[in-house]
C-alpha cells in the first residue's frame, strides 16, 4: 500500500506528535503532510522524515503565534494533493480530519479529539487572558468552525478514537462510530529507580485548560515541593501565583524528564485530557499518578493499582488525594505491568491489523 500521513501541525512535543512519530517508524516511506512545522522542535524520530508543509509555512510570523492564523488552516489543507496514495492516515485534533482525498483512496483518521477549542470553547478560553472583545468575536467564529468541522467529518472513511471519551465525542458531534486504539507508550524509555525524591511532578504544556493552576494552588497550601516541566502561554500567570516550593523547570529533553519521572513521589495530572500519555510514562517508571477523574484518565488509571483519582477540580480534593497516596503501599511491579499493556509494540500490532482489515473492506465496497 502507498501510504501518506497527515498531521495538523508539527510545532510542539506533545502526545499527538509522539503518535505520529510511531506512525513514521511504522511507515517510514510515507510522506508527512502538515500545515506548518518547526524543525528546531521536532522529535528525534522525524529527522529523516519527508515533511511536506502547506503554504502557511512561508508566511512570516507564524512561529511567534501560530494561532493567529486560525482562519487560514481550513484553506491551507485544501491544497494538499493526495493522488497516487492508497491510504491517507490523518492524525487530527483540529483540521486534518477534514482533508479531501481521491474517491479511491482510503482515509483513516486517528482522532485525538474533535477540535476542543471549537466544541468546548468556553472551557478552553475560561482562564486565558484575552480581551473580552476578542473572546466574543472568536466565539462567533467558533460557531462557524463547528459547522465546517461537522460537515467535513464525512471526508473520513473510518475513525479511530484514542479513548472512550473521544469515541463519545465523535458519536455526539459527527454521528459516526469509531474503533478505540489507545496511543502507544514507549515503556522501554523508563526504568524504576531505587531512589525516590521528596518532590511531586507535572510534565505538561502550560496552557490554561490543563489546570496547572489548580496544582499550584494546592501545593501553595501544603508547602510540598512541586516540579513543573514544560512551557507555554500560561507560564507567566502560573509563575506569578506560585510560592517558592513550586519550581518551573521549563522545557527539558527526554533524558531529563525520564530521570525526574523515575524519582518523583507521584505525577500530578490535574486537567481533563483526551487520553494523556504522561501518566502512563510515569507508571512505566514505577511511579503512581494523581489524576482528575475525567477524560482519558478513566481508561488508564486503576485506583490503588497505578494511581489515585480526585473528583472535583478544587485544591481541597487534590490535597485529599495526596494524603491518600502517601498512605497507600504502592507496588512498583504492578504499576509497571499496568503501563506495559499500552506499550508501542502492542499498539503497532493492533493498528496494522486494523488498517489492513479496514482497507480490504473499503476496496471490496468500491
Protein backbone atom coordinates (compact mmCIF):
# COMPACT_ATOMS: atom_id res chain seq x y z
CA UNK A 1 0.00 0.00 0.00
CA UNK A 2 1.16 3.53 -0.77
CA UNK A 3 0.51 5.45 2.45
CA UNK A 4 0.58 9.16 3.31
CA UNK A 5 0.43 10.59 6.84
CA UNK A 6 -1.27 13.90 7.60
CA UNK A 7 -0.99 15.76 10.92
CA UNK A 8 -2.40 19.14 11.97
CA UNK A 9 0.93 20.86 12.74
CA UNK A 10 4.36 19.79 13.95
CA UNK A 11 5.24 22.64 16.26
CA UNK A 12 5.43 21.06 19.73
CA UNK A 13 6.41 17.84 21.51
CA UNK A 14 3.06 16.60 22.78
CA UNK A 15 1.35 13.24 22.91
CA UNK A 16 -0.15 13.56 19.42
CA UNK A 17 3.29 14.20 17.94
CA UNK A 18 4.64 11.07 19.64
CA UNK A 19 1.86 9.08 17.97
CA UNK A 20 2.86 10.49 14.58
CA UNK A 21 6.48 9.63 15.37
CA UNK A 22 5.38 6.00 15.81
CA UNK A 23 3.40 6.14 12.55
CA UNK A 24 6.59 7.31 10.83
CA UNK A 25 8.53 4.36 12.26
CA UNK A 26 5.76 2.00 11.10
CA UNK A 27 5.59 3.53 7.60
CA UNK A 28 8.99 5.22 7.01
CA UNK A 29 8.39 5.76 3.28
CA UNK A 30 5.14 7.66 3.89
CA UNK A 31 5.45 11.45 3.47
CA UNK A 32 4.04 13.54 6.31
CA UNK A 33 1.72 16.36 5.23
CA UNK A 34 1.24 19.15 7.75
CA UNK A 35 0.20 22.79 7.79
CA UNK A 36 3.37 24.12 9.47
CA UNK A 37 6.38 22.59 11.21
CA UNK A 38 9.18 23.92 13.39
CA UNK A 39 12.35 21.95 12.66
CA UNK A 40 14.02 23.04 15.90
CA UNK A 41 11.23 21.45 17.98
CA UNK A 42 10.82 18.21 16.06
CA UNK A 43 11.17 14.96 17.96
CA UNK A 44 14.28 12.99 17.03
CA UNK A 45 12.30 10.37 15.16
CA UNK A 46 11.34 12.91 12.48
CA UNK A 47 14.89 13.79 11.40
CA UNK A 48 14.71 11.55 8.32
CA UNK A 49 11.04 12.20 7.53
CA UNK A 50 9.72 13.61 4.24
CA UNK A 51 7.70 16.50 5.71
CA UNK A 52 5.55 18.47 3.27
CA UNK A 53 4.18 21.70 4.70
CA UNK A 54 1.37 23.88 3.35
CA UNK A 55 1.83 27.40 2.03
CA UNK A 56 1.33 28.65 5.60
CA UNK A 57 4.94 27.64 6.24
CA UNK A 58 6.06 30.54 4.03
CA UNK A 59 4.01 33.17 5.84
CA UNK A 60 6.05 35.50 8.06
CA UNK A 61 5.49 35.48 11.80
CA UNK A 62 3.64 32.19 12.24
CA UNK A 63 6.31 30.84 14.60
CA UNK A 64 5.61 33.71 17.01
CA UNK A 65 1.94 32.81 17.33
CA UNK A 66 0.60 30.09 15.04
CA UNK A 67 -2.92 30.53 16.47
CA UNK A 68 -3.24 33.95 14.81
CA UNK A 69 -3.58 32.11 11.51
CA UNK A 70 -6.60 30.13 12.75
CA UNK A 71 -8.99 31.14 9.91
CA UNK A 72 -6.39 30.12 7.30
CA UNK A 73 -5.91 26.48 8.30
CA UNK A 74 -9.13 25.22 6.62
CA UNK A 75 -7.95 26.95 3.44
CA UNK A 76 -4.42 25.58 3.66
CA UNK A 77 -5.44 21.93 3.83
CA UNK A 78 -7.43 22.26 0.59
CA UNK A 79 -4.22 22.45 -1.42
CA UNK A 80 -2.72 19.11 -0.43
CA UNK A 81 -2.55 16.60 -3.29
CA UNK A 82 -3.12 13.01 -2.17
CA UNK A 83 -3.40 11.49 -5.62
CA UNK A 84 -1.32 8.34 -6.04
CA UNK A 85 -1.85 7.11 -2.46
CA UNK A 86 -3.90 4.07 -1.48
CA UNK A 87 -4.29 5.20 2.14
CA UNK A 88 -4.13 8.57 3.87
CA UNK A 89 -3.70 8.27 7.60
CA UNK A 90 -4.69 11.54 9.27
CA UNK A 91 -3.75 12.32 12.86
CA UNK A 92 -6.07 15.06 13.99
CA UNK A 93 -7.24 17.09 16.93
CA UNK A 94 -8.14 20.04 14.73
CA UNK A 95 -8.15 20.38 10.94
CA UNK A 96 -6.53 17.40 9.23
CA UNK A 97 -9.51 15.10 9.52
CA UNK A 98 -11.20 17.46 7.03
CA UNK A 99 -8.79 16.88 4.13
CA UNK A 100 -10.20 15.69 0.83
CA UNK A 101 -8.71 12.61 -0.78
CA UNK A 102 -9.46 10.93 -4.14
CA UNK A 103 -12.53 8.70 -4.04
CA UNK A 104 -10.41 5.56 -4.48
CA UNK A 105 -8.14 6.50 -1.56
CA UNK A 106 -8.97 5.21 1.91
CA UNK A 107 -8.97 7.97 4.57
CA UNK A 108 -8.42 6.61 8.08
CA UNK A 109 -8.47 9.25 10.82
CA UNK A 110 -6.74 8.66 14.14
CA UNK A 111 -8.70 11.22 16.13
CA UNK A 112 -7.09 12.59 19.28
CA UNK A 113 -10.29 14.61 19.75
CA UNK A 114 -12.66 16.74 17.71
CA UNK A 115 -11.30 20.29 17.97
CA UNK A 116 -11.77 21.25 21.62
CA UNK A 117 -11.33 24.98 21.04
CA UNK A 118 -14.44 24.94 18.83
CA UNK A 119 -16.69 22.39 20.54
CA UNK A 120 -15.82 23.35 24.13
CA UNK A 121 -14.88 26.98 23.58
CA UNK A 122 -15.93 28.38 26.97
CA UNK A 123 -13.87 25.86 28.93
CA UNK A 124 -10.91 26.22 26.57
CA UNK A 125 -10.86 30.03 26.91
CA UNK A 126 -12.03 30.30 30.52
CA UNK A 127 -8.68 31.25 32.07
CA UNK A 128 -6.96 32.77 29.05
CA UNK A 129 -6.02 36.42 29.37
CA UNK A 130 -7.55 37.67 26.11
CA UNK A 131 -9.53 40.91 25.71
CA UNK A 132 -13.28 40.40 26.12
CA UNK A 133 -13.98 41.75 22.64
CA UNK A 134 -11.59 39.23 21.11
CA UNK A 135 -13.24 36.40 23.06
CA UNK A 136 -16.68 37.43 21.81
CA UNK A 137 -15.52 37.64 18.20
CA UNK A 138 -13.78 34.29 18.46
CA UNK A 139 -16.93 32.74 19.89
CA UNK A 140 -18.88 33.83 16.80
CA UNK A 141 -16.19 32.35 14.56
CA UNK A 142 -16.18 29.10 16.54
CA UNK A 143 -19.86 28.57 15.76
CA UNK A 144 -18.99 28.72 12.05
CA UNK A 145 -15.98 26.47 12.59
CA UNK A 146 -18.12 23.84 14.32
CA UNK A 147 -20.47 23.75 11.34
CA UNK A 148 -17.50 23.33 8.99
CA UNK A 149 -16.00 20.65 11.23
CA UNK A 150 -19.25 18.68 11.33
CA UNK A 151 -19.80 18.99 7.58
CA UNK A 152 -16.28 17.84 6.69
CA UNK A 153 -16.43 14.89 9.10
CA UNK A 154 -17.88 12.99 6.15
CA UNK A 155 -14.48 13.23 4.41
CA UNK A 156 -13.27 10.39 6.65
CA UNK A 157 -13.96 6.77 5.70
CA UNK A 158 -13.23 5.38 9.16
CA UNK A 159 -12.40 6.90 12.55
CA UNK A 160 -10.16 5.58 15.29
CA UNK A 161 -10.57 7.22 18.70
CA UNK A 162 -7.72 7.38 21.20
CA UNK A 163 -10.01 6.92 24.24
CA UNK A 164 -13.56 6.22 25.33
CA UNK A 165 -14.36 9.88 25.87
CA UNK A 166 -13.13 10.78 22.37
CA UNK A 167 -15.23 7.98 20.90
CA UNK A 168 -18.26 9.54 22.62
CA UNK A 169 -17.42 12.99 21.20
CA UNK A 170 -17.09 11.57 17.69
CA UNK A 171 -20.51 9.97 18.09
CA UNK A 172 -22.07 13.14 19.54
CA UNK A 173 -20.52 15.69 17.15
CA UNK A 174 -20.19 13.72 13.91
CA UNK A 175 -22.78 10.95 14.36
CA UNK A 176 -20.06 8.43 13.47
CA UNK A 177 -18.77 5.36 15.27
CA UNK A 178 -15.09 4.74 15.97
CA UNK A 179 -12.79 1.94 17.00
CA UNK A 180 -10.73 2.66 20.14
CA UNK A 181 -6.98 2.10 19.85
CA UNK A 182 -5.06 3.63 22.75
CA UNK A 183 -1.95 5.68 21.89
CA UNK A 184 1.46 3.98 22.09
CA UNK A 185 3.78 4.38 25.08
CA UNK A 186 7.50 3.78 24.71
CA UNK A 187 7.76 2.00 28.04
CA UNK A 188 11.34 0.87 27.35
CA UNK A 189 12.43 4.50 27.83
CA UNK A 190 11.67 4.26 31.53
CA UNK A 191 13.16 2.32 34.42
CA UNK A 192 12.09 2.41 38.07
CA UNK A 193 14.58 3.93 40.49
CA UNK A 194 15.53 2.70 43.94
CA UNK A 195 15.89 6.35 44.99
CA UNK A 196 12.67 8.35 45.37
CA UNK A 197 12.85 12.10 45.92
CA UNK A 198 10.57 14.30 48.00
CA UNK A 199 9.02 16.18 45.06
CA UNK A 200 5.84 15.78 43.03
CA UNK A 201 5.95 16.30 39.28
CA UNK A 202 3.95 17.81 36.42
CA UNK A 203 5.01 17.38 32.78
CA UNK A 204 2.76 19.42 30.53
CA UNK A 205 2.36 22.28 28.11
CA UNK A 206 1.46 25.31 30.19
CA UNK A 207 -1.94 26.19 28.77
CA UNK A 208 -4.91 27.20 30.86
CA UNK A 209 -7.28 24.29 30.16
CA UNK A 210 -4.74 21.80 31.56
CA UNK A 211 -5.43 23.29 35.04
CA UNK A 212 -1.85 23.53 36.23
CA UNK A 213 -3.10 26.48 38.28
CA UNK A 214 -5.11 24.04 40.41
CA UNK A 215 -1.95 22.12 41.28
CA UNK A 216 -0.06 25.34 42.03
CA UNK A 217 -2.84 26.45 44.39
CA UNK A 218 -2.85 23.09 46.19
CA UNK A 219 0.92 22.97 46.62
CA UNK A 220 0.97 26.61 47.72
CA UNK A 221 -1.24 25.47 50.60
CA UNK A 222 0.58 22.28 51.60
CA UNK A 223 4.13 23.52 51.02
CA UNK A 224 5.34 20.26 49.43
CA UNK A 225 7.86 20.52 46.57
CA UNK A 226 6.30 20.54 43.10
CA UNK A 227 8.42 20.49 39.94
CA UNK A 228 6.74 21.65 36.73
CA UNK A 229 8.31 20.69 33.39
CA UNK A 230 7.09 22.45 30.27
CA UNK A 231 6.41 25.85 28.78
CA UNK A 232 3.51 27.66 27.21
CA UNK A 233 1.34 30.78 27.14
CA UNK A 234 0.12 30.31 30.74
CA UNK A 235 3.68 30.33 32.12
CA UNK A 236 3.77 33.92 33.37
CA UNK A 237 0.43 33.66 35.19
CA UNK A 238 1.41 30.42 36.88
CA UNK A 239 4.81 31.70 37.98
CA UNK A 240 3.20 34.82 39.43
CA UNK A 241 0.87 32.80 41.65
CA UNK A 242 3.41 30.16 42.76
CA UNK A 243 5.23 30.08 46.09
CA UNK A 244 8.95 29.10 46.31
CA UNK A 245 8.20 25.39 46.83
CA UNK A 246 6.83 25.28 43.24
CA UNK A 247 9.70 25.17 40.74
CA UNK A 248 9.35 25.76 37.00
CA UNK A 249 11.99 23.80 35.08
CA UNK A 250 11.00 24.83 31.56
CA UNK A 251 11.21 22.52 28.56
CA UNK A 252 13.60 19.60 29.15
CA UNK A 253 14.86 16.81 26.91
CA UNK A 254 13.58 13.26 27.18
CA UNK A 255 16.55 12.07 29.24
CA UNK A 256 15.99 14.69 31.94
CA UNK A 257 12.24 14.06 32.04
CA UNK A 258 12.79 10.30 32.32
CA UNK A 259 15.01 10.81 35.36
CA UNK A 260 12.55 13.15 37.05
CA UNK A 261 9.68 10.73 36.50
CA UNK A 262 11.59 7.80 37.97
CA UNK A 263 12.36 9.65 41.23
CA UNK A 264 9.19 11.68 41.83
CA UNK A 265 6.77 10.76 44.60
CA UNK A 266 3.94 10.90 42.06
CA UNK A 267 2.89 12.59 38.84
CA UNK A 268 0.11 15.19 39.16
CA UNK A 269 -2.41 15.21 36.30
CA UNK A 270 -4.95 17.93 37.16
CA UNK A 271 -6.73 18.58 33.85
CA UNK A 272 -9.25 16.71 31.75
CA UNK A 273 -7.30 15.22 28.84
CA UNK A 274 -8.44 13.37 25.75
CA UNK A 275 -6.14 10.48 26.67
CA UNK A 276 -2.97 11.51 28.49
CA UNK A 277 0.32 9.78 27.71
CA UNK A 278 2.38 11.25 30.58
CA UNK A 279 0.56 9.31 33.36
CA UNK A 280 1.43 6.02 31.69
CA UNK A 281 5.01 7.18 31.15
CA UNK A 282 5.27 7.87 34.88
CA UNK A 283 3.75 4.43 35.52
CA UNK A 284 6.39 2.87 33.23
CA UNK A 285 8.96 4.46 35.56
CA UNK A 286 7.20 2.81 38.51
CA UNK A 287 5.54 5.92 39.92
CA UNK A 288 1.84 6.40 40.74
CA UNK A 289 -0.36 9.19 39.38
CA UNK A 290 -2.85 11.57 40.97
CA UNK A 291 -5.40 12.39 38.26
CA UNK A 292 -8.64 14.30 37.88
CA UNK A 293 -11.41 11.74 37.45
CA UNK A 294 -12.45 12.56 33.89
CA UNK A 295 -11.45 12.18 30.25
CA UNK A 296 -8.83 9.72 29.12
CA UNK A 297 -7.66 9.03 32.68
CA UNK A 298 -10.81 6.96 33.14
CA UNK A 299 -9.33 4.47 30.63
CA UNK A 300 -5.85 4.33 32.13
CA UNK A 301 -5.97 4.85 35.92
CA UNK A 302 -6.98 1.93 38.13
CA UNK A 303 -7.40 3.27 41.70
CA UNK A 304 -4.91 1.87 44.20
CA UNK A 305 -3.11 -0.01 41.39
CA UNK A 306 -1.37 2.74 39.42
CA UNK A 307 -2.88 5.92 40.80
CA UNK A 308 -5.48 7.89 42.73
CA UNK A 309 -8.40 9.96 41.42
CA UNK A 310 -9.71 13.24 42.79
CA UNK A 311 -13.32 14.03 41.87
CA UNK A 312 -13.63 17.82 41.83
CA UNK A 313 -11.19 20.30 40.32
CA UNK A 314 -10.63 22.11 43.60
CA UNK A 315 -7.49 22.32 45.71
CA UNK A 316 -9.07 20.55 48.70
CA UNK A 317 -9.83 17.42 46.65
CA UNK A 318 -6.33 17.34 45.19
CA UNK A 319 -4.80 17.70 48.66
CA UNK A 320 -7.01 14.86 49.90
CA UNK A 321 -5.71 12.65 47.07
CA UNK A 322 -2.11 13.48 48.03
CA UNK A 323 -2.81 12.38 51.61
CA UNK A 324 -4.41 9.17 50.35
CA UNK A 325 -1.49 8.44 48.04
CA UNK A 326 1.05 8.88 50.84
CA UNK A 327 -0.75 6.29 52.99
CA UNK A 328 -1.03 3.61 50.28
CA UNK A 329 1.65 0.88 49.93
CA UNK A 330 2.39 1.06 46.19
CA UNK A 331 3.73 -1.99 44.37
CA UNK A 332 6.16 -0.83 41.71
CA UNK A 333 5.92 -4.07 39.72
CA UNK A 334 2.11 -3.76 39.42
CA UNK A 335 2.42 -0.14 38.29
CA UNK A 336 4.96 -1.04 35.60
CA UNK A 337 2.97 -4.07 34.43
CA UNK A 338 -0.09 -1.88 34.01
CA UNK A 339 1.82 0.59 31.81
CA UNK A 340 3.17 -2.20 29.61
CA UNK A 341 -0.36 -3.00 28.43
CA UNK A 342 -0.13 0.27 26.45
CA UNK A 343 3.33 -0.37 25.01
CA UNK A 344 4.26 0.71 21.49
CA UNK A 345 4.63 -2.87 20.28
CA UNK A 346 1.04 -3.71 21.26
CA UNK A 347 -0.17 -0.56 19.52
CA UNK A 348 1.73 -1.39 16.32
CA UNK A 349 0.29 -4.90 16.08
CA UNK A 350 -3.26 -3.73 16.80
CA UNK A 351 -3.10 -0.75 14.43
CA UNK A 352 -1.55 -2.61 11.49
CA UNK A 353 -4.13 -5.39 11.77
CA UNK A 354 -6.98 -2.89 11.92
CA UNK A 355 -5.70 -0.85 8.96
CA UNK A 356 -5.28 -3.94 6.77
CA UNK A 357 -8.79 -5.20 7.53
CA UNK A 358 -10.40 -1.78 7.11
CA UNK A 359 -8.62 -1.20 3.80
CA UNK A 360 -9.68 -4.59 2.41
CA UNK A 361 -13.29 -3.84 3.36
CA UNK A 362 -13.05 -0.39 1.74
CA UNK A 363 -11.77 -1.90 -1.53
CA UNK A 364 -14.47 -4.56 -1.56
CA UNK A 365 -17.16 -1.89 -1.25
CA UNK A 366 -15.86 0.22 -4.14
